[in-house]
């Protein structure tokens, strides 16, 4: 199983919000944002901060896929 944050990027587009705006408003690091961009695992605290900022549920920003990431 792999994590996909495509839902997050689509939600940002719908909200007319940039990744930089999200990073600043949610108070997450550039490293965490970079991990999200690469569909890598991040701390649940990061996901909670994003959900609180966007006023959404965790299932609105991420999903599990059957694709395996290459390591």
N, C-alpha and C. Protein backbone atom coordinates (compact mmCIF):
# COMPACT_ATOMS: atom_id res chain seq x y z
N UNK A 1 0.83 -1.19 0.00
CA UNK A 1 0.00 0.00 0.00
C UNK A 1 0.88 1.25 0.00
N UNK A 2 0.39 2.25 -0.68
CA UNK A 2 1.09 3.52 -0.75
C UNK A 2 0.12 4.65 -0.42
N UNK A 3 0.67 5.77 -0.01
CA UNK A 3 -0.14 6.94 0.32
C UNK A 3 -0.16 7.88 -0.87
N UNK A 4 -1.32 8.46 -1.15
CA UNK A 4 -1.46 9.46 -2.20
C UNK A 4 -2.10 10.71 -1.63
N UNK A 5 -1.51 11.86 -1.94
CA UNK A 5 -2.04 13.14 -1.48
C UNK A 5 -2.67 13.93 -2.63
N UNK A 6 -3.07 13.25 -3.70
CA UNK A 6 -3.70 13.93 -4.85
C UNK A 6 -4.94 14.70 -4.42
N UNK A 7 -5.68 14.14 -3.48
CA UNK A 7 -6.88 14.82 -2.98
C UNK A 7 -6.54 16.18 -2.36
N UNK A 8 -5.41 16.24 -1.67
CA UNK A 8 -4.97 17.49 -1.06
C UNK A 8 -4.70 18.54 -2.13
N UNK A 9 -3.97 18.16 -3.17
CA UNK A 9 -3.62 19.12 -4.22
C UNK A 9 -4.86 19.60 -4.96
N UNK A 10 -5.81 18.70 -5.18
CA UNK A 10 -7.07 19.10 -5.83
C UNK A 10 -7.86 20.05 -4.94
N UNK A 11 -7.87 19.77 -3.64
CA UNK A 11 -8.58 20.63 -2.69
C UNK A 11 -7.96 22.02 -2.66
N UNK A 12 -6.64 22.09 -2.70
CA UNK A 12 -5.97 23.40 -2.71
C UNK A 12 -6.36 24.19 -3.95
N UNK A 13 -6.42 23.52 -5.10
CA UNK A 13 -6.83 24.19 -6.33
C UNK A 13 -8.25 24.72 -6.19
N UNK A 14 -9.14 23.89 -5.67
CA UNK A 14 -10.54 24.30 -5.48
C UNK A 14 -10.66 25.49 -4.53
N UNK A 15 -9.77 25.56 -3.55
CA UNK A 15 -9.81 26.64 -2.56
C UNK A 15 -8.97 27.84 -3.00
N UNK A 16 -8.37 27.75 -4.18
CA UNK A 16 -7.51 28.81 -4.71
C UNK A 16 -6.38 29.15 -3.72
N UNK A 17 -5.74 28.09 -3.21
CA UNK A 17 -4.68 28.23 -2.23
C UNK A 17 -3.40 27.59 -2.76
N UNK A 18 -2.28 28.25 -2.57
CA UNK A 18 -1.00 27.69 -3.02
C UNK A 18 -0.41 26.81 -1.91
N UNK A 19 0.58 26.02 -2.28
CA UNK A 19 1.26 25.18 -1.29
C UNK A 19 1.96 26.04 -0.24
N UNK A 20 2.51 27.17 -0.68
CA UNK A 20 3.18 28.08 0.25
C UNK A 20 2.19 28.66 1.25
N UNK A 21 1.02 29.05 0.76
CA UNK A 21 -0.01 29.57 1.66
C UNK A 21 -0.41 28.51 2.68
N UNK A 22 -0.58 27.28 2.22
CA UNK A 22 -0.94 26.18 3.12
C UNK A 22 0.14 25.99 4.17
N UNK A 23 1.39 25.98 3.73
CA UNK A 23 2.50 25.78 4.66
C UNK A 23 2.51 26.84 5.76
N UNK A 24 2.32 28.08 5.38
CA UNK A 24 2.34 29.17 6.36
C UNK A 24 1.13 29.12 7.28
N UNK A 25 -0.05 28.93 6.73
CA UNK A 25 -1.27 28.93 7.54
C UNK A 25 -1.36 27.72 8.46
N UNK A 26 -0.89 26.57 7.99
CA UNK A 26 -0.95 25.36 8.81
C UNK A 26 0.23 25.27 9.78
N UNK A 27 1.28 26.02 9.52
CA UNK A 27 2.45 25.98 10.40
C UNK A 27 3.25 24.70 10.24
N UNK A 28 3.37 24.23 8.99
CA UNK A 28 4.17 23.02 8.75
C UNK A 28 5.49 23.42 8.08
N UNK A 29 6.45 22.55 8.15
CA UNK A 29 7.77 22.85 7.62
C UNK A 29 7.83 22.62 6.10
N UNK A 30 8.84 23.19 5.49
CA UNK A 30 9.04 22.97 4.06
C UNK A 30 9.40 21.51 3.80
N UNK A 31 10.07 20.88 4.76
CA UNK A 31 10.42 19.46 4.61
C UNK A 31 9.17 18.59 4.60
N UNK A 32 8.21 18.91 5.46
CA UNK A 32 6.95 18.15 5.48
C UNK A 32 6.19 18.35 4.18
N UNK A 33 6.18 19.58 3.67
CA UNK A 33 5.50 19.86 2.41
C UNK A 33 6.17 19.11 1.25
N UNK A 34 7.49 19.03 1.29
CA UNK A 34 8.22 18.30 0.26
C UNK A 34 7.87 16.81 0.30
N UNK A 35 7.75 16.25 1.50
CA UNK A 35 7.37 14.84 1.64
C UNK A 35 5.97 14.60 1.09
N UNK A 36 5.06 15.53 1.36
CA UNK A 36 3.70 15.41 0.83
C UNK A 36 3.74 15.42 -0.70
N UNK A 37 4.58 16.27 -1.26
CA UNK A 37 4.70 16.37 -2.71
C UNK A 37 5.24 15.10 -3.35
N UNK A 38 5.97 14.32 -2.57
CA UNK A 38 6.55 13.07 -3.07
C UNK A 38 5.73 11.86 -2.64
N UNK A 39 4.55 12.10 -2.07
CA UNK A 39 3.69 11.03 -1.56
C UNK A 39 4.41 10.15 -0.54
N UNK A 40 5.22 10.77 0.30
CA UNK A 40 5.93 10.05 1.35
C UNK A 40 5.15 10.17 2.66
N UNK A 41 5.46 9.31 3.60
CA UNK A 41 4.80 9.33 4.90
C UNK A 41 5.21 10.58 5.68
N UNK A 42 4.23 11.18 6.35
CA UNK A 42 4.48 12.32 7.22
C UNK A 42 3.84 12.04 8.58
N UNK A 43 4.26 12.79 9.55
CA UNK A 43 3.74 12.68 10.91
C UNK A 43 2.24 13.01 10.90
N UNK A 44 1.48 12.32 11.72
CA UNK A 44 0.04 12.59 11.78
C UNK A 44 -0.24 14.01 12.27
N UNK A 45 0.66 14.58 13.04
CA UNK A 45 0.50 15.96 13.49
C UNK A 45 0.43 16.92 12.30
N UNK A 46 1.21 16.65 11.27
CA UNK A 46 1.19 17.46 10.05
C UNK A 46 -0.17 17.35 9.38
N UNK A 47 -0.69 16.14 9.28
CA UNK A 47 -1.98 15.92 8.64
C UNK A 47 -3.11 16.60 9.42
N UNK A 48 -3.03 16.54 10.75
CA UNK A 48 -4.04 17.19 11.58
C UNK A 48 -4.00 18.70 11.40
N UNK A 49 -2.81 19.28 11.35
CA UNK A 49 -2.68 20.72 11.14
C UNK A 49 -3.29 21.13 9.80
N UNK A 50 -3.05 20.33 8.77
CA UNK A 50 -3.62 20.63 7.45
C UNK A 50 -5.14 20.54 7.50
N UNK A 51 -5.65 19.49 8.12
CA UNK A 51 -7.12 19.32 8.23
C UNK A 51 -7.75 20.47 9.00
N UNK A 52 -7.12 20.89 10.08
CA UNK A 52 -7.65 22.01 10.86
C UNK A 52 -7.65 23.29 10.04
N UNK A 53 -6.60 23.51 9.28
CA UNK A 53 -6.49 24.71 8.45
C UNK A 53 -7.53 24.72 7.34
N UNK A 54 -7.71 23.58 6.69
CA UNK A 54 -8.63 23.49 5.56
C UNK A 54 -10.06 23.15 6.00
N UNK A 55 -10.23 22.90 7.30
CA UNK A 55 -11.54 22.51 7.86
C UNK A 55 -12.13 21.32 7.10
N UNK A 56 -11.35 20.25 7.07
CA UNK A 56 -11.76 19.05 6.36
C UNK A 56 -11.36 17.81 7.17
N UNK A 57 -11.75 16.66 6.67
CA UNK A 57 -11.42 15.39 7.29
C UNK A 57 -10.17 14.82 6.63
N UNK A 58 -9.49 13.94 7.30
CA UNK A 58 -8.26 13.37 6.76
C UNK A 58 -8.50 12.63 5.44
N UNK A 59 -9.67 12.03 5.29
CA UNK A 59 -9.98 11.33 4.04
C UNK A 59 -10.17 12.29 2.88
N UNK A 60 -10.30 13.59 3.17
CA UNK A 60 -10.42 14.59 2.11
C UNK A 60 -9.08 14.99 1.52
N UNK A 61 -7.98 14.63 2.21
CA UNK A 61 -6.66 15.06 1.73
C UNK A 61 -5.74 13.90 1.36
N UNK A 62 -6.08 12.69 1.72
CA UNK A 62 -5.20 11.56 1.41
C UNK A 62 -5.99 10.29 1.19
N UNK A 63 -5.34 9.33 0.55
CA UNK A 63 -5.95 8.02 0.37
C UNK A 63 -4.84 6.97 0.25
N UNK A 64 -5.18 5.74 0.52
CA UNK A 64 -4.25 4.63 0.33
C UNK A 64 -4.51 4.02 -1.03
N UNK A 65 -3.44 3.70 -1.73
CA UNK A 65 -3.56 3.09 -3.04
C UNK A 65 -2.86 1.74 -3.03
N UNK A 66 -3.15 0.94 -4.03
CA UNK A 66 -2.50 -0.37 -4.14
C UNK A 66 -1.12 -0.28 -4.75
N UNK A 67 -0.76 0.86 -5.27
CA UNK A 67 0.55 1.04 -5.89
C UNK A 67 1.62 1.05 -4.81
N UNK A 68 2.71 0.40 -5.11
CA UNK A 68 3.84 0.39 -4.18
C UNK A 68 4.85 1.42 -4.66
N UNK A 69 5.43 2.14 -3.70
CA UNK A 69 6.45 3.11 -4.05
C UNK A 69 7.79 2.40 -4.15
N UNK A 70 8.60 2.80 -5.10
CA UNK A 70 9.92 2.20 -5.25
C UNK A 70 10.87 2.83 -4.26
N UNK A 71 11.70 1.99 -3.65
CA UNK A 71 12.64 2.52 -2.66
C UNK A 71 14.05 2.32 -3.10
